[in-house]
Amino acid sequence: MKRINLITLIILVLATISCSKLDKILKTNDYQLMYKKGLEYYELKDHYKYTTLFEKISPVYKGTMQADTIDFYLSNGYFNQGDYLLAAHYYDQYRNNYPRSKFIEQAEYMYAYCFYKSSPRPLLDQQTTQQAISAFNEFIVRYPNTTKKAEVNRIITELRNKLVEKSYISAKLYYDMNDYKAAITALKNSLTEYPSSEYREDMLFMVLQASYDLASNSVLEKQKERFQNTLDEYYNLMGEYPETKHSREAEKIYANTIKVTDNK
């Protein structure tokens, strides 16, 4: 226990000394020193320190030969500290301010990558995911021969799969709530938007089930048309998946629907 406390104390002392050194550099107003130390901290991957220094001197070095390096490293600093949306803002500024920089392709890639890193799990709003896809598509158009092409394509596929999953989850929510009309609309919209969805077979069955449930719970004057729609959905499912894993349930729905329609 004493050993742990001693180690903790040593770490705190070293951190205090280190921060004290950084404070002293910042108070000197020696911008050349700040630039030099910023580069040193960058090589050491001390992200907080070089970001702090480059943030301080960035306005001073505008229009100089060092400006693009400072601003690119500053953007990297925010990224490496996990502040991805702020980093995206700085990368965006960079690509507009330094279109001929040696770092421009990397900055364009990192701008898109920031949105990728900010993309949330499928249950949440996917606006950032859409931004990432758009930014990566823009990157590929601008740099068709980039060495990152395979990686970008992999990321775009991953992001699109997330949108497919989000669409499926949102549509399935109506289905689980027994909101038959909304479920049918949402499921069909998802199938139209993502025709190659890995959930396609399940979604076609859910449309069938929701159509049957909607018809069964309808007033008499609407049942005939809605049961006919149920048959159409049955044929859609079986046409695409004749050996569907939902065959038992689908055949039961079909048999019950035929009984009802034959008696009307």
C-alpha atoms as a PDB file:
ATOM      1  CA  MET A   1       0.000   0.000   0.000  1.00  0.00           C
ATOM      2  CA  LYS A   2       2.849   2.374   0.923  1.00  0.00           C
ATOM      3  CA  ARG A   3       4.597   1.486  -2.353  1.00  0.00           C
ATOM      4  CA  ILE A   4       1.482   2.397  -4.351  1.00  0.00           C
ATOM      5  CA  ASN A   5       1.173   5.715  -2.509  1.00  0.00           C
ATOM      6  CA  LEU A   6       4.849   6.469  -3.174  1.00  0.00           C
ATOM      7  CA  ILE A   7       4.468   5.763  -6.899  1.00  0.00           C
ATOM      8  CA  THR A   8       1.364   7.960  -7.028  1.00  0.00           C
ATOM      9  CA  LEU A   9       3.218  10.754  -5.260  1.00  0.00           C
ATOM     10  CA  ILE A  10       6.140  10.508  -7.689  1.00  0.00           C
ATOM     11  CA  ILE A  11       3.770  10.681 -10.672  1.00  0.00           C
ATOM     12  CA  LEU A  12       2.029  13.751  -9.224  1.00  0.00           C
ATOM     13  CA  VAL A  13       5.347  15.478  -8.577  1.00  0.00           C
ATOM     14  CA  LEU A  14       6.588  14.764 -12.114  1.00  0.00           C
ATOM     15  CA  ALA A  15       3.287  15.964 -13.600  1.00  0.00           C
ATOM     16  CA  THR A  16       3.497  19.162 -11.546  1.00  0.00           C
ATOM     17  CA  ILE A  17       7.057  19.804 -12.668  1.00  0.00           C
ATOM     18  CA  SER A  18       6.116  19.085 -16.285  1.00  0.00           C
ATOM     19  CA  CYS A  19       3.140  21.455 -16.172  1.00  0.00           C
ATOM     20  CA  SER A  20       5.321  24.052 -14.495  1.00  0.00           C
ATOM     21  CA  LYS A  21       7.784  23.831 -17.401  1.00  0.00           C
ATOM     22  CA  LEU A  22       4.973  24.270 -19.914  1.00  0.00           C
ATOM     23  CA  ASP A  23       3.626  27.277 -18.004  1.00  0.00           C
ATOM     24  CA  LYS A  24       7.056  28.882 -18.015  1.00  0.00           C
ATOM     25  CA  ILE A  25       7.365  28.431 -21.777  1.00  0.00           C
ATOM     26  CA  LEU A  26       3.915  29.931 -22.340  1.00  0.00           C
ATOM     27  CA  LYS A  27       4.739  32.972 -20.187  1.00  0.00           C
ATOM     28  CA  THR A  28       7.948  33.800 -22.062  1.00  0.00           C
ATOM     29  CA  ASN A  29       6.189  35.041 -25.213  1.00  0.00           C
ATOM     30  CA  ASP A  30       9.194  33.563 -27.021  1.00  0.00           C
ATOM     31  CA  TYR A  31       7.290  32.230 -30.008  1.00  0.00           C
ATOM     32  CA  GLN A  32      10.315  30.588 -31.612  1.00  0.00           C
ATOM     33  CA  LEU A  33      10.900  28.653 -28.397  1.00  0.00           C
ATOM     34  CA  MET A  34       7.228  27.672 -28.273  1.00  0.00           C
ATOM     35  CA  TYR A  35       7.434  26.430 -31.860  1.00  0.00           C
ATOM     36  CA  LYS A  36      10.602  24.452 -31.138  1.00  0.00           C
ATOM     37  CA  LYS A  37       9.188  22.915 -27.955  1.00  0.00           C
ATOM     38  CA  GLY A  38       5.901  22.209 -29.711  1.00  0.00           C
ATOM     39  CA  LEU A  39       7.728  20.152 -32.321  1.00  0.00           C
ATOM     40  CA  GLU A  40       9.588  18.301 -29.589  1.00  0.00           C
ATOM     41  CA  TYR A  41       6.382  17.491 -27.721  1.00  0.00           C
ATOM     42  CA  TYR A  42       4.816  16.417 -31.021  1.00  0.00           C
ATOM     43  CA  GLU A  43       7.592  13.897 -31.594  1.00  0.00           C
ATOM     44  CA  LEU A  44       7.122  12.680 -28.005  1.00  0.00           C
ATOM     45  CA  LYS A  45       3.351  12.362 -28.619  1.00  0.00           C
ATOM     46  CA  ASP A  46       2.645  14.604 -25.650  1.00  0.00           C
ATOM     47  CA  HIS A  47      -0.609  15.705 -27.239  1.00  0.00           C
ATOM     48  CA  TYR A  48      -1.796  18.128 -24.592  1.00  0.00           C
ATOM     49  CA  LYS A  49       1.447  20.085 -24.479  1.00  0.00           C
ATOM     50  CA  TYR A  50       2.041  20.547 -28.192  1.00  0.00           C
ATOM     51  CA  THR A  51      -1.632  21.351 -28.744  1.00  0.00           C
ATOM     52  CA  THR A  52      -1.460  24.022 -26.041  1.00  0.00           C
ATOM     53  CA  LEU A  53       1.683  25.535 -27.549  1.00  0.00           C
ATOM     54  CA  PHE A  54       0.507  25.456 -31.167  1.00  0.00           C
ATOM     55  CA  GLU A  55      -2.849  26.912 -30.171  1.00  0.00           C
ATOM     56  CA  LYS A  56      -0.968  29.820 -28.591  1.00  0.00           C
ATOM     57  CA  ILE A  57       1.293  30.555 -31.563  1.00  0.00           C
ATOM     58  CA  SER A  58      -1.026  29.712 -34.468  1.00  0.00           C
ATOM     59  CA  PRO A  59      -2.320  33.305 -34.864  1.00  0.00           C
ATOM     60  CA  VAL A  60       1.237  34.671 -34.627  1.00  0.00           C
ATOM     61  CA  TYR A  61       2.587  32.449 -37.409  1.00  0.00           C
ATOM     62  CA  LYS A  62      -0.220  33.098 -39.918  1.00  0.00           C
ATOM     63  CA  GLY A  63       1.248  33.741 -43.359  1.00  0.00           C
ATOM     64  CA  THR A  64       4.632  32.230 -42.513  1.00  0.00           C
ATOM     65  CA  MET A  65       6.329  29.093 -43.819  1.00  0.00           C
ATOM     66  CA  GLN A  66       5.558  27.318 -40.536  1.00  0.00           C
ATOM     67  CA  ALA A  67       1.832  28.131 -40.495  1.00  0.00           C
ATOM     68  CA  ASP A  68       0.552  25.018 -42.269  1.00  0.00           C
ATOM     69  CA  THR A  69       2.669  22.711 -40.092  1.00  0.00           C
ATOM     70  CA  ILE A  70       1.466  24.381 -36.904  1.00  0.00           C
ATOM     71  CA  ASP A  71      -2.198  24.232 -37.889  1.00  0.00           C
ATOM     72  CA  PHE A  72      -1.961  20.644 -39.106  1.00  0.00           C
ATOM     73  CA  TYR A  73      -0.273  19.497 -35.900  1.00  0.00           C
ATOM     74  CA  LEU A  74      -2.826  21.487 -33.900  1.00  0.00           C
ATOM     75  CA  SER A  75      -5.648  19.623 -35.664  1.00  0.00           C
ATOM     76  CA  ASN A  76      -3.875  16.334 -34.938  1.00  0.00           C
ATOM     77  CA  GLY A  77      -3.587  17.356 -31.312  1.00  0.00           C
ATOM     78  CA  TYR A  78      -7.316  17.707 -30.854  1.00  0.00           C
ATOM     79  CA  PHE A  79      -7.854  14.410 -32.673  1.00  0.00           C
ATOM     80  CA  ASN A  80      -5.323  12.550 -30.536  1.00  0.00           C
ATOM     81  CA  GLN A  81      -6.999  13.860 -27.393  1.00  0.00           C
ATOM     82  CA  GLY A  82     -10.295  12.399 -28.562  1.00  0.00           C
ATOM     83  CA  ASP A  83     -12.063  15.683 -29.357  1.00  0.00           C
ATOM     84  CA  TYR A  84     -13.084  14.488 -32.813  1.00  0.00           C
ATOM     85  CA  LEU A  85     -15.695  17.087 -33.730  1.00  0.00           C
ATOM     86  CA  LEU A  86     -13.406  19.954 -32.744  1.00  0.00           C
ATOM     87  CA  ALA A  87     -10.617  18.273 -34.704  1.00  0.00           C
ATOM     88  CA  ALA A  88     -12.966  18.006 -37.718  1.00  0.00           C
ATOM     89  CA  HIS A  89     -13.562  21.747 -37.470  1.00  0.00           C
ATOM     90  CA  TYR A  90      -9.823  22.435 -37.511  1.00  0.00           C
ATOM     91  CA  TYR A  91      -9.138  19.980 -40.349  1.00  0.00           C
ATOM     92  CA  ASP A  92     -11.932  21.649 -42.318  1.00  0.00           C
ATOM     93  CA  GLN A  93     -10.352  25.059 -41.766  1.00  0.00           C
ATOM     94  CA  TYR A  94      -6.990  23.611 -42.736  1.00  0.00           C
ATOM     95  CA  ARG A  95      -8.147  22.155 -46.040  1.00  0.00           C
ATOM     96  CA  ASN A  96      -9.685  25.499 -46.945  1.00  0.00           C
ATOM     97  CA  ASN A  97      -6.678  27.570 -45.868  1.00  0.00           C
ATOM     98  CA  TYR A  98      -3.867  25.364 -47.218  1.00  0.00           C
ATOM     99  CA  PRO A  99      -5.052  23.632 -50.408  1.00  0.00           C
ATOM    100  CA  ARG A 100      -1.451  23.216 -51.655  1.00  0.00           C
ATOM    101  CA  SER A 101       0.080  22.007 -48.399  1.00  0.00           C
ATOM    102  CA  LYS A 102       2.076  18.785 -48.329  1.00  0.00           C
ATOM    103  CA  PHE A 103      -0.337  17.687 -45.591  1.00  0.00           C
ATOM    104  CA  ILE A 104      -3.522  18.389 -47.556  1.00  0.00           C
ATOM    105  CA  GLU A 105      -4.410  14.796 -48.511  1.00  0.00           C
ATOM    106  CA  GLN A 106      -3.885  13.621 -44.948  1.00  0.00           C
ATOM    107  CA  ALA A 107      -5.943  16.542 -43.634  1.00  0.00           C
ATOM    108  CA  GLU A 108      -8.791  15.700 -46.032  1.00  0.00           C
ATOM    109  CA  TYR A 109      -8.704  12.087 -44.882  1.00  0.00           C
ATOM    110  CA  MET A 110      -8.596  13.004 -41.216  1.00  0.00           C
ATOM    111  CA  TYR A 111     -11.532  15.387 -41.664  1.00  0.00           C
ATOM    112  CA  ALA A 112     -13.646  12.429 -42.799  1.00  0.00           C
ATOM    113  CA  TYR A 113     -12.089  10.106 -40.223  1.00  0.00           C
ATOM    114  CA  CYS A 114     -13.156  12.424 -37.400  1.00  0.00           C
ATOM    115  CA  PHE A 115     -16.811  11.887 -38.333  1.00  0.00           C
ATOM    116  CA  TYR A 116     -16.167   8.149 -38.526  1.00  0.00           C
ATOM    117  CA  LYS A 117     -14.752   8.185 -35.002  1.00  0.00           C
ATOM    118  CA  SER A 118     -17.776  10.210 -33.834  1.00  0.00           C
ATOM    119  CA  SER A 119     -20.311   7.896 -35.460  1.00  0.00           C
ATOM    120  CA  PRO A 120     -22.555   6.508 -32.682  1.00  0.00           C
ATOM    121  CA  ARG A 121     -23.991   3.042 -32.211  1.00  0.00           C
ATOM    122  CA  PRO A 122     -26.915   2.175 -34.528  1.00  0.00           C
ATOM    123  CA  LEU A 123     -29.636   2.876 -31.938  1.00  0.00           C
ATOM    124  CA  LEU A 124     -28.768   6.595 -31.957  1.00  0.00           C
ATOM    125  CA  ASP A 125     -29.183   9.344 -34.541  1.00  0.00           C
ATOM    126  CA  GLN A 126     -26.916   8.700 -37.529  1.00  0.00           C
ATOM    127  CA  GLN A 127     -26.345  12.226 -38.837  1.00  0.00           C
ATOM    128  CA  THR A 128     -22.623  11.971 -38.070  1.00  0.00           C
ATOM    129  CA  THR A 129     -22.473   8.649 -39.909  1.00  0.00           C
ATOM    130  CA  GLN A 130     -24.003  10.317 -42.974  1.00  0.00           C
ATOM    131  CA  GLN A 131     -21.438  13.126 -42.706  1.00  0.00           C
ATOM    132  CA  ALA A 132     -18.632  10.576 -42.563  1.00  0.00           C
ATOM    133  CA  ILE A 133     -19.856   8.774 -45.687  1.00  0.00           C
ATOM    134  CA  SER A 134     -20.194  12.057 -47.593  1.00  0.00           C
ATOM    135  CA  ALA A 135     -16.736  13.198 -46.523  1.00  0.00           C
ATOM    136  CA  PHE A 136     -15.094   9.893 -47.477  1.00  0.00           C
ATOM    137  CA  ASN A 137     -16.857   9.884 -50.857  1.00  0.00           C
ATOM    138  CA  GLU A 138     -15.579  13.408 -51.434  1.00  0.00           C
ATOM    139  CA  PHE A 139     -12.083  12.269 -50.461  1.00  0.00           C
ATOM    140  CA  ILE A 140     -12.139   9.397 -52.978  1.00  0.00           C
ATOM    141  CA  VAL A 141     -13.299  11.729 -55.749  1.00  0.00           C
ATOM    142  CA  ARG A 142     -10.479  14.162 -54.989  1.00  0.00           C
ATOM    143  CA  TYR A 143      -7.827  11.481 -54.557  1.00  0.00           C
ATOM    144  CA  PRO A 144      -8.803   8.537 -56.789  1.00  0.00           C
ATOM    145  CA  ASN A 145      -5.277   7.104 -56.654  1.00  0.00           C
ATOM    146  CA  THR A 146      -4.802   7.417 -52.905  1.00  0.00           C
ATOM    147  CA  THR A 147      -3.047   4.608 -51.075  1.00  0.00           C
ATOM    148  CA  LYS A 148      -5.905   4.755 -48.562  1.00  0.00           C
ATOM    149  CA  LYS A 149      -8.534   3.671 -51.094  1.00  0.00           C
ATOM    150  CA  ALA A 150      -8.997   0.141 -49.720  1.00  0.00           C
ATOM    151  CA  GLU A 151      -9.240   1.454 -46.164  1.00  0.00           C
ATOM    152  CA  VAL A 152     -11.752   4.141 -47.171  1.00  0.00           C
ATOM    153  CA  ASN A 153     -13.911   1.607 -48.982  1.00  0.00           C
ATOM    154  CA  ARG A 154     -13.852  -0.649 -45.923  1.00  0.00           C
ATOM    155  CA  ILE A 155     -14.905   2.220 -43.680  1.00  0.00           C
ATOM    156  CA  ILE A 156     -17.694   3.323 -46.030  1.00  0.00           C
ATOM    157  CA  THR A 157     -19.046  -0.239 -46.094  1.00  0.00           C
ATOM    158  CA  GLU A 158     -18.957  -0.356 -42.295  1.00  0.00           C
ATOM    159  CA  LEU A 159     -20.788   2.970 -42.045  1.00  0.00           C
ATOM    160  CA  ARG A 160     -23.426   1.969 -44.595  1.00  0.00           C
ATOM    161  CA  ASN A 161     -24.029  -1.259 -42.707  1.00  0.00           C
ATOM    162  CA  LYS A 162     -24.643   0.856 -39.623  1.00  0.00           C
ATOM    163  CA  LEU A 163     -27.265   2.879 -41.519  1.00  0.00           C
ATOM    164  CA  VAL A 164     -28.893  -0.358 -42.665  1.00  0.00           C
ATOM    165  CA  GLU A 165     -29.021  -1.605 -39.088  1.00  0.00           C
ATOM    166  CA  LYS A 166     -30.415   1.725 -37.854  1.00  0.00           C
ATOM    167  CA  SER A 167     -33.124   1.617 -40.512  1.00  0.00           C
ATOM    168  CA  TYR A 168     -34.006  -1.959 -39.556  1.00  0.00           C
ATOM    169  CA  ILE A 169     -34.118  -1.177 -35.826  1.00  0.00           C
ATOM    170  CA  SER A 170     -36.337   1.877 -36.399  1.00  0.00           C
ATOM    171  CA  ALA A 171     -38.764  -0.050 -38.588  1.00  0.00           C
ATOM    172  CA  LYS A 172     -38.827  -3.047 -36.253  1.00  0.00           C
ATOM    173  CA  LEU A 173     -39.757  -0.754 -33.372  1.00  0.00           C
ATOM    174  CA  TYR A 174     -43.160  -0.084 -34.962  1.00  0.00           C
ATOM    175  CA  TYR A 175     -43.551  -3.802 -35.573  1.00  0.00           C
ATOM    176  CA  ASP A 176     -42.787  -4.637 -31.956  1.00  0.00           C
ATOM    177  CA  MET A 177     -45.278  -1.987 -30.836  1.00  0.00           C
ATOM    178  CA  ASN A 178     -47.994  -3.612 -32.996  1.00  0.00           C
ATOM    179  CA  ASP A 179     -48.411  -0.367 -34.920  1.00  0.00           C
ATOM    180  CA  TYR A 180     -49.201  -2.307 -38.080  1.00  0.00           C
ATOM    181  CA  LYS A 181     -49.667   0.565 -40.549  1.00  0.00           C
ATOM    182  CA  ALA A 182     -46.547   2.395 -39.430  1.00  0.00           C
ATOM    183  CA  ALA A 183     -44.591  -0.862 -39.414  1.00  0.00           C
ATOM    184  CA  ILE A 184     -45.561  -1.715 -42.981  1.00  0.00           C
ATOM    185  CA  THR A 185     -44.643   1.769 -44.196  1.00  0.00           C
ATOM    186  CA  ALA A 186     -41.340   1.883 -42.308  1.00  0.00           C
ATOM    187  CA  LEU A 187     -40.327  -1.635 -43.337  1.00  0.00           C
ATOM    188  CA  LYS A 188     -41.112  -1.012 -47.000  1.00  0.00           C
ATOM    189  CA  ASN A 189     -39.262   2.308 -46.957  1.00  0.00           C
ATOM    190  CA  SER A 190     -36.237   0.579 -45.460  1.00  0.00           C
ATOM    191  CA  LEU A 191     -36.367  -2.185 -48.072  1.00  0.00           C
ATOM    192  CA  THR A 192     -36.567   0.405 -50.840  1.00  0.00           C
ATOM    193  CA  GLU A 193     -33.685   2.462 -49.459  1.00  0.00           C
ATOM    194  CA  TYR A 194     -31.498  -0.559 -48.702  1.00  0.00           C
ATOM    195  CA  PRO A 195     -32.562  -3.338 -51.101  1.00  0.00           C
ATOM    196  CA  SER A 196     -29.491  -5.436 -50.276  1.00  0.00           C
ATOM    197  CA  SER A 197     -30.053  -5.272 -46.522  1.00  0.00           C
ATOM    198  CA  GLU A 198     -28.884  -8.313 -44.596  1.00  0.00           C
ATOM    199  CA  TYR A 199     -32.240  -8.135 -42.798  1.00  0.00           C
ATOM    200  CA  ARG A 200     -34.268  -8.324 -46.013  1.00  0.00           C
ATOM    201  CA  GLU A 201     -35.748 -11.786 -45.427  1.00  0.00           C
ATOM    202  CA  ASP A 202     -36.809 -10.921 -41.882  1.00  0.00           C
ATOM    203  CA  MET A 203     -38.263  -7.602 -42.988  1.00  0.00           C
ATOM    204  CA  LEU A 204     -40.303  -9.163 -45.785  1.00  0.00           C
ATOM    205  CA  PHE A 205     -41.755 -11.576 -43.259  1.00  0.00           C
ATOM    206  CA  MET A 206     -42.523  -8.751 -40.840  1.00  0.00           C
ATOM    207  CA  VAL A 207     -44.375  -6.928 -43.624  1.00  0.00           C
ATOM    208  CA  LEU A 208     -46.387 -10.105 -44.196  1.00  0.00           C
ATOM    209  CA  GLN A 209     -47.129 -10.539 -40.500  1.00  0.00           C
ATOM    210  CA  ALA A 210     -48.033  -6.873 -40.023  1.00  0.00           C
ATOM    211  CA  SER A 211     -50.290  -6.977 -43.092  1.00  0.00           C
ATOM    212  CA  TYR A 212     -52.100 -10.022 -41.730  1.00  0.00           C
ATOM    213  CA  ASP A 213     -52.467  -8.481 -38.271  1.00  0.00           C
ATOM    214  CA  LEU A 214     -53.715  -5.221 -39.775  1.00  0.00           C
ATOM    215  CA  ALA A 215     -56.308  -7.086 -41.840  1.00  0.00           C
ATOM    216  CA  SER A 216     -57.405  -9.225 -38.898  1.00  0.00           C
ATOM    217  CA  ASN A 217     -57.951  -6.156 -36.721  1.00  0.00           C
ATOM    218  CA  SER A 218     -59.717  -4.082 -39.373  1.00  0.00           C
ATOM    219  CA  VAL A 219     -63.399  -3.263 -39.690  1.00  0.00           C
ATOM    220  CA  LEU A 220     -65.299  -5.596 -42.007  1.00  0.00           C
ATOM    221  CA  GLU A 221     -65.441  -3.245 -44.994  1.00  0.00           C
ATOM    222  CA  LYS A 222     -61.623  -2.990 -45.083  1.00  0.00           C
ATOM    223  CA  GLN A 223     -60.771  -6.622 -44.442  1.00  0.00           C
ATOM    224  CA  LYS A 224     -61.148  -7.947 -47.985  1.00  0.00           C
ATOM    225  CA  GLU A 225     -58.670  -5.513 -49.494  1.00  0.00           C
ATOM    226  CA  ARG A 226     -56.236  -5.894 -46.625  1.00  0.00           C
ATOM    227  CA  PHE A 227     -56.298  -9.676 -46.685  1.00  0.00           C
ATOM    228  CA  GLN A 228     -55.617  -9.463 -50.410  1.00  0.00           C
ATOM    229  CA  ASN A 229     -52.613  -7.289 -49.583  1.00  0.00           C
ATOM    230  CA  THR A 230     -51.538  -9.999 -47.155  1.00  0.00           C
ATOM    231  CA  LEU A 231     -51.564 -12.555 -49.968  1.00  0.00           C
ATOM    232  CA  ASP A 232     -49.472 -10.196 -52.094  1.00  0.00           C
ATOM    233  CA  GLU A 233     -46.916  -9.919 -49.294  1.00  0.00           C
ATOM    234  CA  TYR A 234     -46.873 -13.702 -48.915  1.00  0.00           C
ATOM    235  CA  TYR A 235     -46.056 -14.082 -52.621  1.00  0.00           C
ATOM    236  CA  ASN A 236     -43.364 -11.381 -52.323  1.00  0.00           C
ATOM    237  CA  LEU A 237     -41.682 -13.284 -49.508  1.00  0.00           C
ATOM    238  CA  MET A 238     -41.915 -16.702 -51.122  1.00  0.00           C
ATOM    239  CA  GLY A 239     -40.876 -15.339 -54.495  1.00  0.00           C
ATOM    240  CA  GLU A 240     -37.580 -14.095 -53.078  1.00  0.00           C
ATOM    241  CA  TYR A 241     -37.075 -16.745 -50.415  1.00  0.00           C
ATOM    242  CA  PRO A 242     -38.897 -19.956 -51.419  1.00  0.00           C
ATOM    243  CA  GLU A 243     -37.137 -21.807 -48.601  1.00  0.00           C
ATOM    244  CA  THR A 244     -37.426 -19.008 -46.069  1.00  0.00           C
ATOM    245  CA  LYS A 245     -36.683 -19.704 -42.426  1.00  0.00           C
ATOM    246  CA  HIS A 246     -40.111 -18.216 -41.726  1.00  0.00           C
ATOM    247  CA  SER A 247     -41.904 -20.798 -43.881  1.00  0.00           C
ATOM    248  CA  ARG A 248     -43.921 -22.330 -41.045  1.00  0.00           C
ATOM    249  CA  GLU A 249     -45.337 -18.997 -39.886  1.00  0.00           C
ATOM    250  CA  ALA A 250     -45.780 -17.768 -43.467  1.00  0.00           C
ATOM    251  CA  GLU A 251     -47.718 -20.881 -44.512  1.00  0.00           C
ATOM    252  CA  LYS A 252     -49.957 -20.536 -41.461  1.00  0.00           C
ATOM    253  CA  ILE A 253     -50.708 -16.919 -42.365  1.00  0.00           C
ATOM    254  CA  TYR A 254     -51.388 -17.941 -45.957  1.00  0.00           C
ATOM    255  CA  ALA A 255     -53.777 -20.727 -44.952  1.00  0.00           C
ATOM    256  CA  ASN A 256     -55.696 -18.474 -42.560  1.00  0.00           C
ATOM    257  CA  THR A 257     -55.861 -15.692 -45.149  1.00  0.00           C
ATOM    258  CA  ILE A 258     -57.195 -18.068 -47.828  1.00  0.00           C
ATOM    259  CA  LYS A 259     -59.905 -19.254 -45.435  1.00  0.00           C
ATOM    260  CA  VAL A 260     -61.000 -15.711 -44.761  1.00  0.00           C
ATOM    261  CA  THR A 261     -60.946 -14.583 -48.397  1.00  0.00           C
ATOM    262  CA  ASP A 262     -62.842 -17.708 -49.566  1.00  0.00           C
ATOM    263  CA  ASN A 263     -65.620 -16.904 -47.091  1.00  0.00           C
ATOM    264  CA  LYS A 264     -65.979 -13.282 -48.180  1.00  0.00           C
END
